[in-house]
Structure formats: structure tokens, C-alpha cells
Amino acid sequence: MSETKDRNLSLLDVGMACGFSDQSHFTRVFSKLLGTSPGGFRRMSGVRETDV
């Protein structure tokens, strides 16, 4: 899941890197498994725009 911390990658790119062909499906599965959206995960991880 380190790809989700790279703000240079879109969520579509992250989903594709994880083997998903549909961003909506990736977001649903991610949210169900982790209890937060991919964007929420990025915010909670503490990665700032200036860190990348």
C-alpha cells in the first residue's frame, strides 16, 4: 500500500498498480478492507504535499 502515500500517483494509478482495472471497484474494496477511503488513508498517513 505504499503507492497510496505517493501523492504524485492518482488513485486510478494506485488501483491499476494493485491489479484493479476500475477505480470505483478499487475504492470500494480498499474502504471495505481498511475502513477508510484511499484518500482518507493518505490524509491519515501524514504525508504532506511537500514530502514527495
PDB file of N, CA and C in Angstrom:
ATOM      1  N   MET A   1       0.804  -1.208   0.000  1.00  0.00           N
ATOM      2  CA  MET A   1       0.000   0.000   0.000  1.00  0.00           C
ATOM      3  C   MET A   1       0.846   1.271   0.000  1.00  0.00           C
ATOM      4  N   SER A   2       2.132   1.142  -0.110  1.00  0.00           N
ATOM      5  CA  SER A   2       2.969   2.334  -0.107  1.00  0.00           C
ATOM      6  C   SER A   2       2.634   3.248  -1.282  1.00  0.00           C
ATOM      7  N   GLU A   3       2.054   2.695  -2.355  1.00  0.00           N
ATOM      8  CA  GLU A   3       1.687   3.516  -3.504  1.00  0.00           C
ATOM      9  C   GLU A   3       0.679   4.593  -3.128  1.00  0.00           C
ATOM     10  N   THR A   4      -0.163   4.328  -2.123  1.00  0.00           N
ATOM     11  CA  THR A   4      -1.181   5.308  -1.760  1.00  0.00           C
ATOM     12  C   THR A   4      -0.575   6.529  -1.089  1.00  0.00           C
ATOM     13  N   LYS A   5       0.641   6.421  -0.611  1.00  0.00           N
ATOM     14  CA  LYS A   5       1.300   7.555   0.036  1.00  0.00           C
ATOM     15  C   LYS A   5       1.975   8.478  -0.973  1.00  0.00           C
ATOM     16  N   ASP A   6       2.168   8.020  -2.178  1.00  0.00           N
ATOM     17  CA  ASP A   6       2.813   8.822  -3.211  1.00  0.00           C
ATOM     18  C   ASP A   6       1.767   9.714  -3.858  1.00  0.00           C
ATOM     19  N   ARG A   7       1.752  10.953  -3.471  1.00  0.00           N
ATOM     20  CA  ARG A   7       0.734  11.875  -3.986  1.00  0.00           C
ATOM     21  C   ARG A   7       0.935  12.216  -5.452  1.00  0.00           C
ATOM     22  N   ASN A   8       2.049  11.797  -6.026  1.00  0.00           N
ATOM     23  CA  ASN A   8       2.249  12.020  -7.452  1.00  0.00           C
ATOM     24  C   ASN A   8       1.440  11.025  -8.281  1.00  0.00           C
ATOM     25  N   LEU A   9       1.008   9.938  -7.675  1.00  0.00           N
ATOM     26  CA  LEU A   9       0.183   8.954  -8.370  1.00  0.00           C
ATOM     27  C   LEU A   9      -1.290   9.241  -8.119  1.00  0.00           C
ATOM     28  N   SER A  10      -2.089   9.151  -9.166  1.00  0.00           N
ATOM     29  CA  SER A  10      -3.536   9.287  -8.988  1.00  0.00           C
ATOM     30  C   SER A  10      -4.062   8.004  -8.348  1.00  0.00           C
ATOM     31  N   LEU A  11      -5.259   8.078  -7.782  1.00  0.00           N
ATOM     32  CA  LEU A  11      -5.851   6.872  -7.208  1.00  0.00           C
ATOM     33  C   LEU A  11      -6.104   5.834  -8.290  1.00  0.00           C
ATOM     34  N   LEU A  12      -6.360   6.276  -9.510  1.00  0.00           N
ATOM     35  CA  LEU A  12      -6.505   5.339 -10.625  1.00  0.00           C
ATOM     36  C   LEU A  12      -5.197   4.586 -10.839  1.00  0.00           C
ATOM     37  N   ASP A  13      -4.077   5.308 -10.825  1.00  0.00           N
ATOM     38  CA  ASP A  13      -2.774   4.671 -10.996  1.00  0.00           C
ATOM     39  C   ASP A  13      -2.468   3.693  -9.863  1.00  0.00           C
ATOM     40  N   VAL A  14      -2.824   4.069  -8.648  1.00  0.00           N
ATOM     41  CA  VAL A  14      -2.606   3.184  -7.498  1.00  0.00           C
ATOM     42  C   VAL A  14      -3.438   1.914  -7.658  1.00  0.00           C
ATOM     43  N   GLY A  15      -4.703   2.087  -8.020  1.00  0.00           N
ATOM     44  CA  GLY A  15      -5.575   0.939  -8.225  1.00  0.00           C
ATOM     45  C   GLY A  15      -5.054   0.019  -9.317  1.00  0.00           C
ATOM     46  N   MET A  16      -4.597   0.605 -10.411  1.00  0.00           N
ATOM     47  CA  MET A  16      -4.045  -0.191 -11.505  1.00  0.00           C
ATOM     48  C   MET A  16      -2.802  -0.941 -11.036  1.00  0.00           C
ATOM     49  N   ALA A  17      -1.947  -0.294 -10.252  1.00  0.00           N
ATOM     50  CA  ALA A  17      -0.737  -0.942  -9.743  1.00  0.00           C
ATOM     51  C   ALA A  17      -1.070  -2.107  -8.814  1.00  0.00           C
ATOM     52  N   CYS A  18      -2.251  -2.040  -8.197  1.00  0.00           N
ATOM     53  CA  CYS A  18      -2.700  -3.108  -7.292  1.00  0.00           C
ATOM     54  C   CYS A  18      -3.515  -4.176  -8.012  1.00  0.00           C
ATOM     55  N   GLY A  19      -3.654  -4.030  -9.332  1.00  0.00           N
ATOM     56  CA  GLY A  19      -4.338  -5.050 -10.117  1.00  0.00           C
ATOM     57  C   GLY A  19      -5.794  -4.778 -10.421  1.00  0.00           C
ATOM     58  N   PHE A  20      -6.292  -3.591 -10.103  1.00  0.00           N
ATOM     59  CA  PHE A  20      -7.686  -3.230 -10.392  1.00  0.00           C
ATOM     60  C   PHE A  20      -7.756  -2.510 -11.727  1.00  0.00           C
ATOM     61  N   SER A  21      -8.811  -2.741 -12.479  1.00  0.00           N
ATOM     62  CA  SER A  21      -8.980  -2.038 -13.752  1.00  0.00           C
ATOM     63  C   SER A  21     -10.031  -0.935 -13.635  1.00  0.00           C
ATOM     64  N   ASP A  22     -10.641  -0.798 -12.462  1.00  0.00           N
ATOM     65  CA  ASP A  22     -11.699   0.185 -12.248  1.00  0.00           C
ATOM     66  C   ASP A  22     -11.453   0.895 -10.913  1.00  0.00           C
ATOM     67  N   GLN A  23     -11.327   2.218 -10.946  1.00  0.00           N
ATOM     68  CA  GLN A  23     -11.040   2.977  -9.732  1.00  0.00           C
ATOM     69  C   GLN A  23     -12.153   2.847  -8.695  1.00  0.00           C
ATOM     70  N   SER A  24     -13.391   2.805  -9.139  1.00  0.00           N
ATOM     71  CA  SER A  24     -14.509   2.688  -8.202  1.00  0.00           C
ATOM     72  C   SER A  24     -14.454   1.363  -7.442  1.00  0.00           C
ATOM     73  N   HIS A  25     -14.136   0.303  -8.158  1.00  0.00           N
ATOM     74  CA  HIS A  25     -14.036  -1.005  -7.504  1.00  0.00           C
ATOM     75  C   HIS A  25     -12.863  -1.009  -6.516  1.00  0.00           C
ATOM     76  N   PHE A  26     -11.734  -0.450  -6.921  1.00  0.00           N
ATOM     77  CA  PHE A  26     -10.578  -0.329  -6.035  1.00  0.00           C
ATOM     78  C   PHE A  26     -10.957   0.417  -4.754  1.00  0.00           C
ATOM     79  N   THR A  27     -11.656   1.543  -4.891  1.00  0.00           N
ATOM     80  CA  THR A  27     -12.045   2.343  -3.736  1.00  0.00           C
ATOM     81  C   THR A  27     -12.989   1.572  -2.827  1.00  0.00           C
ATOM     82  N   ARG A  28     -13.951   0.857  -3.401  1.00  0.00           N
ATOM     83  CA  ARG A  28     -14.884   0.061  -2.590  1.00  0.00           C
ATOM     84  C   ARG A  28     -14.159  -1.034  -1.812  1.00  0.00           C
ATOM     85  N   VAL A  29     -13.282  -1.774  -2.486  1.00  0.00           N
ATOM     86  CA  VAL A  29     -12.553  -2.862  -1.825  1.00  0.00           C
ATOM     87  C   VAL A  29     -11.611  -2.299  -0.763  1.00  0.00           C
ATOM     88  N   PHE A  30     -10.875  -1.252  -1.094  1.00  0.00           N
ATOM     89  CA  PHE A  30      -9.946  -0.620  -0.155  1.00  0.00           C
ATOM     90  C   PHE A  30     -10.700  -0.170   1.092  1.00  0.00           C
ATOM     91  N   SER A  31     -11.819   0.520   0.880  1.00  0.00           N
ATOM     92  CA  SER A  31     -12.608   1.042   2.001  1.00  0.00           C
ATOM     93  C   SER A  31     -13.171  -0.076   2.870  1.00  0.00           C
ATOM     94  N   LYS A  32     -13.636  -1.137   2.239  1.00  0.00           N
ATOM     95  CA  LYS A  32     -14.199  -2.259   2.995  1.00  0.00           C
ATOM     96  C   LYS A  32     -13.120  -2.943   3.834  1.00  0.00           C
ATOM     97  N   LEU A  33     -11.937  -3.128   3.263  1.00  0.00           N
ATOM     98  CA  LEU A  33     -10.861  -3.816   3.971  1.00  0.00           C
ATOM     99  C   LEU A  33     -10.216  -2.963   5.062  1.00  0.00           C
ATOM    100  N   LEU A  34     -10.046  -1.685   4.789  1.00  0.00           N
ATOM    101  CA  LEU A  34      -9.298  -0.827   5.713  1.00  0.00           C
ATOM    102  C   LEU A  34     -10.165   0.140   6.509  1.00  0.00           C
ATOM    103  N   GLY A  35     -11.440   0.228   6.166  1.00  0.00           N
ATOM    104  CA  GLY A  35     -12.336   1.101   6.917  1.00  0.00           C
ATOM    105  C   GLY A  35     -12.164   2.578   6.624  1.00  0.00           C
ATOM    106  N   THR A  36     -11.450   2.900   5.563  1.00  0.00           N
ATOM    107  CA  THR A  36     -11.273   4.282   5.135  1.00  0.00           C
ATOM    108  C   THR A  36     -11.019   4.289   3.634  1.00  0.00           C
ATOM    109  N   SER A  37     -11.291   5.418   3.017  1.00  0.00           N
ATOM    110  CA  SER A  37     -11.051   5.535   1.583  1.00  0.00           C
ATOM    111  C   SER A  37      -9.551   5.667   1.315  1.00  0.00           C
ATOM    112  N   PRO A  38      -9.118   5.439   0.077  1.00  0.00           N
ATOM    113  CA  PRO A  38      -7.706   5.647  -0.240  1.00  0.00           C
ATOM    114  C   PRO A  38      -7.247   7.086   0.052  1.00  0.00           C
ATOM    115  N   GLY A  39      -8.101   8.063  -0.264  1.00  0.00           N
ATOM    116  CA  GLY A  39      -7.763   9.452   0.041  1.00  0.00           C
ATOM    117  C   GLY A  39      -7.669   9.706   1.536  1.00  0.00           C
ATOM    118  N   GLY A  40      -8.594   9.109   2.289  1.00  0.00           N
ATOM    119  CA  GLY A  40      -8.548   9.219   3.740  1.00  0.00           C
ATOM    120  C   GLY A  40      -7.295   8.583   4.310  1.00  0.00           C
ATOM    121  N   PHE A  41      -6.894   7.465   3.723  1.00  0.00           N
ATOM    122  CA  PHE A  41      -5.664   6.791   4.141  1.00  0.00           C
ATOM    123  C   PHE A  41      -4.462   7.700   3.926  1.00  0.00           C
ATOM    124  N   ARG A  42      -4.428   8.384   2.774  1.00  0.00           N
ATOM    125  CA  ARG A  42      -3.332   9.316   2.507  1.00  0.00           C
ATOM    126  C   ARG A  42      -3.293  10.417   3.563  1.00  0.00           C
ATOM    127  N   ARG A  43      -4.456  10.973   3.874  1.00  0.00           N
ATOM    128  CA  ARG A  43      -4.503  12.062   4.860  1.00  0.00           C
ATOM    129  C   ARG A  43      -4.072  11.570   6.239  1.00  0.00           C
ATOM    130  N   MET A  44      -4.513  10.383   6.628  1.00  0.00           N
ATOM    131  CA  MET A  44      -4.168   9.844   7.946  1.00  0.00           C
ATOM    132  C   MET A  44      -2.690   9.437   8.027  1.00  0.00           C
ATOM    133  N   SER A  45      -2.078   9.149   6.899  1.00  0.00           N
ATOM    134  CA  SER A  45      -0.679   8.696   6.901  1.00  0.00           C
ATOM    135  C   SER A  45       0.283   9.826   7.222  1.00  0.00           C
ATOM    136  N   GLY A  46      -0.193  11.056   7.134  1.00  0.00           N
ATOM    137  CA  GLY A  46       0.644  12.198   7.470  1.00  0.00           C
ATOM    138  C   GLY A  46       1.567  12.639   6.348  1.00  0.00           C
ATOM    139  N   VAL A  47       1.387  12.097   5.164  1.00  0.00           N
ATOM    140  CA  VAL A  47       2.207  12.512   4.033  1.00  0.00           C
ATOM    141  C   VAL A  47       1.708  13.869   3.561  1.00  0.00           C
ATOM    142  N   ARG A  48       2.620  14.813   3.530  1.00  0.00           N
ATOM    143  CA  ARG A  48       2.265  16.162   3.066  1.00  0.00           C
ATOM    144  C   ARG A  48       2.694  16.320   1.621  1.00  0.00           C
ATOM    145  N   GLU A  49       2.078  17.263   0.935  1.00  0.00           N
ATOM    146  CA  GLU A  49       2.413  17.526  -0.464  1.00  0.00           C
ATOM    147  C   GLU A  49       3.905  17.807  -0.621  1.00  0.00           C
ATOM    148  N   THR A  50       4.519  18.475   0.349  1.00  0.00           N
ATOM    149  CA  THR A  50       5.921  18.844   0.250  1.00  0.00           C
ATOM    150  C   THR A  50       6.848  17.671   0.514  1.00  0.00           C
ATOM    151  N   ASP A  51       6.327  16.528   0.999  1.00  0.00           N
ATOM    152  CA  ASP A  51       7.166  15.365   1.303  1.00  0.00           C
ATOM    153  C   ASP A  51       7.507  14.559   0.057  1.00  0.00           C
ATOM    154  N   VAL A  52       6.809  14.798  -1.051  1.00  0.00           N
ATOM    155  CA  VAL A  52       7.055  13.987  -2.240  1.00  0.00           C
ATOM    156  C   VAL A  52       7.808  14.772  -3.275  1.00  0.00           C
TER     157      VAL A  52
END
